């Protein structure tokens, strides 16, 4: 999160991806860093021990959201 906020403050559009398990933590950390509106996309949880096919399915689920997050201001 620190890196994403730093990039955004430098004017470089950024966003991060995490699993849904970390929604509350992401909200708290981005707020504490003074940038509560940092773009973010959440995938299903967990990602560890997922097969390659399952990870592709997760990516497919959020692909449009990722594109929107990095191309919309």
N, C-alpha and C. Protein backbone atom coordinates (compact mmCIF):
# COMPACT_ATOMS: atom_id res chain seq x y z
N UNK A 1 0.82 -1.18 0.00
CA UNK A 1 0.00 0.00 0.00
C UNK A 1 0.87 1.25 0.00
N UNK A 2 1.95 1.23 0.74
CA UNK A 2 2.83 2.39 0.77
C UNK A 2 3.33 2.74 -0.63
N UNK A 3 3.72 1.73 -1.39
CA UNK A 3 4.21 1.98 -2.75
C UNK A 3 3.13 2.57 -3.64
N UNK A 4 1.93 2.05 -3.55
CA UNK A 4 0.82 2.54 -4.38
C UNK A 4 0.54 4.00 -4.05
N UNK A 5 0.46 4.33 -2.77
CA UNK A 5 0.21 5.71 -2.36
C UNK A 5 1.35 6.62 -2.84
N UNK A 6 2.59 6.17 -2.71
CA UNK A 6 3.73 6.96 -3.17
C UNK A 6 3.64 7.22 -4.67
N UNK A 7 3.33 6.20 -5.44
CA UNK A 7 3.21 6.37 -6.89
C UNK A 7 2.09 7.35 -7.23
N UNK A 8 0.95 7.21 -6.58
CA UNK A 8 -0.18 8.11 -6.84
C UNK A 8 0.21 9.56 -6.51
N UNK A 9 0.91 9.76 -5.42
CA UNK A 9 1.31 11.11 -5.04
C UNK A 9 2.29 11.70 -6.04
N UNK A 10 3.00 10.86 -6.75
CA UNK A 10 3.92 11.32 -7.80
C UNK A 10 3.21 11.53 -9.13
N UNK A 11 1.90 11.26 -9.16
CA UNK A 11 1.13 11.44 -10.38
C UNK A 11 1.13 10.23 -11.30
N UNK A 12 1.57 9.09 -10.79
CA UNK A 12 1.58 7.85 -11.58
C UNK A 12 0.35 7.03 -11.20
N UNK A 13 -0.61 6.91 -12.11
CA UNK A 13 -1.82 6.14 -11.79
C UNK A 13 -1.46 4.72 -11.34
N UNK A 14 -2.03 4.32 -10.23
CA UNK A 14 -1.71 3.03 -9.64
C UNK A 14 -2.94 2.43 -8.99
N UNK A 15 -2.85 1.15 -8.69
CA UNK A 15 -3.91 0.45 -7.98
C UNK A 15 -3.31 -0.82 -7.42
N UNK A 16 -4.03 -1.48 -6.53
CA UNK A 16 -3.52 -2.74 -6.02
C UNK A 16 -4.61 -3.80 -6.05
N UNK A 17 -4.16 -5.02 -6.00
CA UNK A 17 -5.04 -6.17 -6.00
C UNK A 17 -4.74 -7.00 -4.76
N UNK A 18 -5.78 -7.39 -4.06
CA UNK A 18 -5.64 -8.25 -2.90
C UNK A 18 -6.87 -9.15 -2.85
N UNK A 19 -6.84 -10.11 -1.95
CA UNK A 19 -8.02 -10.95 -1.81
C UNK A 19 -9.03 -10.27 -0.89
N UNK A 20 -10.26 -10.71 -0.97
CA UNK A 20 -11.35 -10.10 -0.19
C UNK A 20 -11.11 -10.16 1.31
N UNK A 21 -10.29 -11.08 1.73
CA UNK A 21 -9.95 -11.21 3.15
C UNK A 21 -9.33 -9.92 3.70
N UNK A 22 -8.75 -9.11 2.81
CA UNK A 22 -7.99 -7.94 3.25
C UNK A 22 -8.70 -6.61 3.00
N UNK A 23 -9.99 -6.64 2.77
CA UNK A 23 -10.74 -5.40 2.51
C UNK A 23 -10.62 -4.44 3.68
N UNK A 24 -10.90 -4.90 4.88
CA UNK A 24 -10.85 -4.02 6.06
C UNK A 24 -9.44 -3.48 6.29
N UNK A 25 -8.46 -4.34 6.15
CA UNK A 25 -7.07 -3.90 6.34
C UNK A 25 -6.67 -2.86 5.30
N UNK A 26 -7.10 -3.07 4.06
CA UNK A 26 -6.78 -2.11 3.00
C UNK A 26 -7.44 -0.76 3.27
N UNK A 27 -8.68 -0.78 3.72
CA UNK A 27 -9.37 0.46 4.05
C UNK A 27 -8.64 1.20 5.18
N UNK A 28 -8.27 0.46 6.21
CA UNK A 28 -7.61 1.08 7.36
C UNK A 28 -6.24 1.64 6.97
N UNK A 29 -5.48 0.87 6.22
CA UNK A 29 -4.14 1.33 5.88
C UNK A 29 -4.16 2.50 4.92
N UNK A 30 -5.02 2.46 3.90
CA UNK A 30 -5.06 3.58 2.96
C UNK A 30 -5.54 4.85 3.66
N UNK A 31 -6.46 4.71 4.58
CA UNK A 31 -6.93 5.87 5.34
C UNK A 31 -5.82 6.41 6.23
N UNK A 32 -5.09 5.52 6.90
CA UNK A 32 -4.01 5.98 7.78
C UNK A 32 -2.88 6.64 7.00
N UNK A 33 -2.73 6.27 5.73
CA UNK A 33 -1.71 6.89 4.88
C UNK A 33 -2.21 8.18 4.23
N UNK A 34 -3.46 8.54 4.51
CA UNK A 34 -4.01 9.77 3.98
C UNK A 34 -4.51 9.68 2.56
N UNK A 35 -4.77 8.48 2.09
CA UNK A 35 -5.23 8.32 0.71
C UNK A 35 -6.32 7.23 0.66
N UNK A 36 -7.46 7.52 1.29
CA UNK A 36 -8.51 6.50 1.38
C UNK A 36 -9.13 6.10 0.05
N UNK A 37 -8.91 6.90 -0.99
CA UNK A 37 -9.54 6.59 -2.28
C UNK A 37 -8.63 5.84 -3.24
N UNK A 38 -7.50 5.32 -2.75
CA UNK A 38 -6.60 4.59 -3.63
C UNK A 38 -7.37 3.45 -4.31
N UNK A 39 -7.14 3.30 -5.60
CA UNK A 39 -7.86 2.28 -6.37
C UNK A 39 -7.45 0.89 -5.92
N UNK A 40 -8.44 0.01 -5.84
CA UNK A 40 -8.18 -1.35 -5.39
C UNK A 40 -9.19 -2.31 -6.00
N UNK A 41 -8.75 -3.52 -6.18
CA UNK A 41 -9.62 -4.59 -6.68
C UNK A 41 -9.37 -5.81 -5.81
N UNK A 42 -10.43 -6.47 -5.42
CA UNK A 42 -10.31 -7.64 -4.56
C UNK A 42 -10.75 -8.90 -5.29
N UNK A 43 -9.95 -9.94 -5.13
CA UNK A 43 -10.24 -11.24 -5.73
C UNK A 43 -10.82 -12.17 -4.67
N UNK A 44 -11.33 -13.31 -5.09
CA UNK A 44 -11.74 -14.30 -4.10
C UNK A 44 -10.55 -14.72 -3.24
N UNK A 45 -10.86 -15.21 -2.07
CA UNK A 45 -9.85 -15.68 -1.12
C UNK A 45 -10.09 -17.17 -0.91
N UNK A 46 -9.07 -17.96 -0.75
CA UNK A 46 -7.65 -17.66 -0.74
C UNK A 46 -7.03 -17.84 -2.12
N UNK A 47 -5.78 -17.41 -2.25
CA UNK A 47 -5.07 -17.65 -3.50
C UNK A 47 -3.99 -18.71 -3.34
N UNK A 48 -3.53 -18.90 -2.11
CA UNK A 48 -2.51 -19.94 -1.92
C UNK A 48 -3.12 -21.31 -2.20
N UNK A 49 -2.33 -22.15 -2.75
CA UNK A 49 -2.72 -23.52 -3.08
C UNK A 49 -3.76 -23.61 -4.20
N UNK A 50 -4.01 -22.52 -4.91
CA UNK A 50 -4.91 -22.57 -6.07
C UNK A 50 -4.12 -23.12 -7.25
N UNK A 51 -4.80 -23.81 -8.11
CA UNK A 51 -4.15 -24.30 -9.33
C UNK A 51 -4.00 -23.14 -10.30
N UNK A 52 -3.21 -23.35 -11.34
CA UNK A 52 -3.07 -22.31 -12.37
C UNK A 52 -4.43 -21.99 -12.98
N UNK A 53 -5.23 -23.00 -13.22
CA UNK A 53 -6.56 -22.79 -13.81
C UNK A 53 -7.45 -21.98 -12.88
N UNK A 54 -7.39 -22.27 -11.59
CA UNK A 54 -8.18 -21.50 -10.63
C UNK A 54 -7.73 -20.05 -10.57
N UNK A 55 -6.42 -19.83 -10.64
CA UNK A 55 -5.92 -18.46 -10.63
C UNK A 55 -6.34 -17.70 -11.89
N UNK A 56 -6.36 -18.39 -13.01
CA UNK A 56 -6.86 -17.74 -14.24
C UNK A 56 -8.34 -17.38 -14.08
N UNK A 57 -9.10 -18.27 -13.45
CA UNK A 57 -10.51 -17.97 -13.20
C UNK A 57 -10.67 -16.74 -12.31
N UNK A 58 -9.84 -16.64 -11.25
CA UNK A 58 -9.87 -15.47 -10.38
C UNK A 58 -9.54 -14.22 -11.19
N UNK A 59 -8.52 -14.31 -12.03
CA UNK A 59 -8.11 -13.16 -12.85
C UNK A 59 -9.23 -12.76 -13.81
N UNK A 60 -9.87 -13.75 -14.39
CA UNK A 60 -10.98 -13.45 -15.30
C UNK A 60 -12.11 -12.72 -14.58
N UNK A 61 -12.35 -13.09 -13.33
CA UNK A 61 -13.43 -12.46 -12.55
C UNK A 61 -13.20 -10.97 -12.34
N UNK A 62 -11.95 -10.56 -12.20
CA UNK A 62 -11.67 -9.16 -11.85
C UNK A 62 -11.03 -8.36 -12.98
N UNK A 63 -10.80 -8.97 -14.11
CA UNK A 63 -10.08 -8.30 -15.20
C UNK A 63 -10.70 -6.95 -15.56
N UNK A 64 -12.00 -6.90 -15.76
CA UNK A 64 -12.65 -5.64 -16.14
C UNK A 64 -12.49 -4.60 -15.04
N UNK A 65 -12.55 -5.02 -13.79
CA UNK A 65 -12.37 -4.08 -12.68
C UNK A 65 -10.95 -3.53 -12.64
N UNK A 66 -9.96 -4.37 -12.93
CA UNK A 66 -8.57 -3.92 -12.96
C UNK A 66 -8.37 -2.89 -14.06
N UNK A 67 -8.87 -3.19 -15.23
CA UNK A 67 -8.74 -2.26 -16.36
C UNK A 67 -9.42 -0.93 -16.01
N UNK A 68 -10.61 -1.00 -15.43
CA UNK A 68 -11.31 0.23 -15.06
C UNK A 68 -10.53 1.01 -14.01
N UNK A 69 -9.94 0.32 -13.06
CA UNK A 69 -9.20 0.99 -11.98
C UNK A 69 -7.97 1.73 -12.50
N UNK A 70 -7.34 1.21 -13.54
CA UNK A 70 -6.13 1.88 -14.02
C UNK A 70 -6.38 2.83 -15.19
N UNK A 71 -7.60 2.88 -15.67
CA UNK A 71 -7.88 3.75 -16.81
C UNK A 71 -8.92 4.82 -16.49
N UNK A 72 -9.45 4.83 -15.28
CA UNK A 72 -10.48 5.78 -14.90
C UNK A 72 -9.96 6.65 -13.77
N UNK A 73 -10.25 7.93 -13.86
CA UNK A 73 -9.84 8.81 -12.76
C UNK A 73 -11.01 9.23 -11.94
